Amino acid sequence: MAAPSWIQSLLNHRKKVLASMHMKCVSTRLRKYGLRFEDLFDPMEDMDIKEALRRLPREVVDARHQRLLRAMDLSMKHQYLPDDIQAKQTPFRSYLHDMISLIKKEKAEREALGALPLYQRTIP
């Protein structure tokens, strides 16, 4: 039995409110350490992310590593970035999304053509 449309609209509104609250909370936490959301993606877990990082320009990958090292250093010292630097951070600015979507399209095209995968995970 489907819920009436006014109940669905109320639930959708609540989802939007909760989603915006969650995004604000995540943004605040990332700003404290100077990270971007895509810095949290693990290349050891997903081969598409590893391939995307391999294809990105060296400067972008180096900046990612610097942000991760700075965040780990601040975390171990139990400190945060100064407020003026936190204000300059852009936690949801994407640098990896376009490359990941390109890799996924290439992967789907290769599967549709019956070609071998571009890369395979192997257990050492």
Protein backbone atom coordinates (compact mmCIF):
# COMPACT_ATOMS: atom_id res chain seq x y z
CA MET A 1 0.00 0.00 0.00
CA ALA A 2 1.50 3.30 -1.13
CA ALA A 3 1.60 6.27 1.21
CA PRO A 4 -0.36 9.41 0.25
CA SER A 5 1.59 12.01 -1.69
CA TRP A 6 1.53 14.56 1.16
CA ILE A 7 3.27 12.05 3.43
CA GLN A 8 5.87 11.35 0.75
CA SER A 9 6.49 15.07 0.26
CA LEU A 10 6.88 15.49 4.03
CA LEU A 11 9.36 12.61 4.17
CA ASN A 12 11.29 13.95 1.18
CA HIS A 13 11.50 17.36 2.86
CA ARG A 14 12.84 15.74 6.02
CA LYS A 15 15.40 13.81 3.98
CA LYS A 16 16.58 17.04 2.38
CA VAL A 17 16.86 18.76 5.76
CA LEU A 18 18.77 15.84 7.27
CA ALA A 19 21.00 15.55 4.21
CA SER A 20 21.92 19.24 4.37
CA MET A 21 22.63 18.96 8.11
CA HIS A 22 24.86 15.94 7.48
CA MET A 23 26.68 17.70 4.65
CA LYS A 24 27.31 20.73 6.86
CA CYS A 25 28.67 18.50 9.63
CA VAL A 26 30.98 16.64 7.24
CA SER A 27 32.12 19.93 5.72
CA THR A 28 32.99 21.30 9.16
CA ARG A 29 34.99 18.21 10.07
CA LEU A 30 36.89 18.23 6.77
CA ARG A 31 37.69 21.95 7.07
CA LYS A 32 39.20 21.43 10.51
CA TYR A 33 41.87 19.19 8.97
CA GLY A 34 42.09 20.84 5.54
CA LEU A 35 40.80 17.82 3.63
CA ARG A 36 38.54 17.41 0.65
CA PHE A 37 35.84 14.75 0.53
CA GLU A 38 37.57 12.84 -2.28
CA ASP A 39 40.77 12.64 -0.21
CA LEU A 40 38.98 10.02 1.89
CA PHE A 41 38.63 7.58 -1.02
CA ASP A 42 40.98 4.62 -0.59
CA PRO A 43 42.90 3.57 -3.72
CA MET A 44 43.72 0.19 -2.16
CA GLU A 45 40.04 -0.66 -1.86
CA ASP A 46 38.78 0.40 -5.29
CA MET A 47 40.82 -0.19 -8.43
CA ASP A 48 38.91 2.55 -10.30
CA ILE A 49 40.16 5.12 -7.79
CA LYS A 50 43.69 3.80 -8.08
CA GLU A 51 43.52 4.12 -11.86
CA ALA A 52 42.02 7.62 -11.61
CA LEU A 53 44.83 8.75 -9.31
CA ARG A 54 47.36 7.28 -11.73
CA ARG A 55 45.87 9.30 -14.61
CA LEU A 56 45.63 12.62 -12.76
CA PRO A 57 48.39 15.22 -13.14
CA ARG A 58 51.25 14.84 -10.68
CA GLU A 59 50.54 18.22 -9.02
CA VAL A 60 46.99 17.18 -8.12
CA VAL A 61 48.14 13.87 -6.62
CA ASP A 62 50.93 15.61 -4.69
CA ALA A 63 48.45 18.15 -3.29
CA ARG A 64 46.22 15.25 -2.18
CA HIS A 65 49.12 13.57 -0.39
CA GLN A 66 50.10 16.85 1.29
CA ARG A 67 46.54 17.33 2.56
CA LEU A 68 46.46 13.76 3.91
CA LEU A 69 49.84 14.13 5.63
CA ARG A 70 48.84 17.47 7.16
CA ALA A 71 45.57 15.96 8.41
CA MET A 72 47.36 12.99 9.99
CA ASP A 73 49.88 15.33 11.61
CA LEU A 74 47.16 17.57 13.03
CA SER A 75 45.20 14.57 14.25
CA MET A 76 48.19 13.12 16.10
CA LYS A 77 48.86 16.50 17.70
CA HIS A 78 45.16 16.84 18.67
CA GLN A 79 45.01 20.19 16.89
CA TYR A 80 43.01 21.81 14.10
CA LEU A 81 43.90 24.25 11.36
CA PRO A 82 43.71 27.94 12.35
CA ASP A 83 40.30 29.53 11.71
CA ASP A 84 41.56 31.80 8.92
CA ILE A 85 42.91 28.80 6.98
CA GLN A 86 39.77 26.77 7.68
CA ALA A 87 37.70 29.53 6.07
CA LYS A 88 39.68 29.12 2.82
CA GLN A 89 39.13 25.35 2.56
CA THR A 90 36.81 23.88 -0.09
CA PRO A 91 35.91 20.37 1.13
CA PHE A 92 33.46 19.50 -1.64
CA ARG A 93 35.49 20.78 -4.59
CA SER A 94 35.89 17.79 -6.85
CA TYR A 95 39.15 16.79 -8.50
CA LEU A 96 38.58 13.05 -8.92
CA HIS A 97 34.93 12.63 -9.89
CA ASP A 98 35.33 13.37 -13.61
CA MET A 99 38.21 10.91 -13.97
CA ILE A 100 36.34 8.17 -12.08
CA SER A 101 33.26 8.59 -14.27
CA LEU A 102 35.47 8.41 -17.39
CA ILE A 103 37.10 5.21 -16.13
CA LYS A 104 33.72 3.66 -15.33
CA LYS A 105 32.49 4.51 -18.86
CA GLU A 106 35.60 2.94 -20.38
CA LYS A 107 35.14 -0.13 -18.20
CA ALA A 108 31.48 -0.50 -19.25
CA GLU A 109 32.43 -0.06 -22.91
CA ARG A 110 35.13 -2.73 -22.65
CA GLU A 111 32.67 -5.14 -21.03
CA ALA A 112 30.07 -4.41 -23.72
CA LEU A 113 32.62 -5.16 -26.46
CA GLY A 114 33.81 -8.31 -24.70
CA ALA A 115 37.38 -7.06 -24.28
CA LEU A 116 39.59 -7.99 -21.39
CA PRO A 117 39.39 -5.73 -18.32
CA LEU A 118 41.85 -2.88 -18.13
CA TYR A 119 43.14 -4.11 -14.78
CA GLN A 120 42.45 -6.97 -12.42
CA ARG A 121 42.99 -7.34 -8.73
CA THR A 122 45.48 -10.05 -7.86
CA ILE A 123 46.28 -11.51 -4.48
CA PRO A 124 50.03 -11.56 -3.87
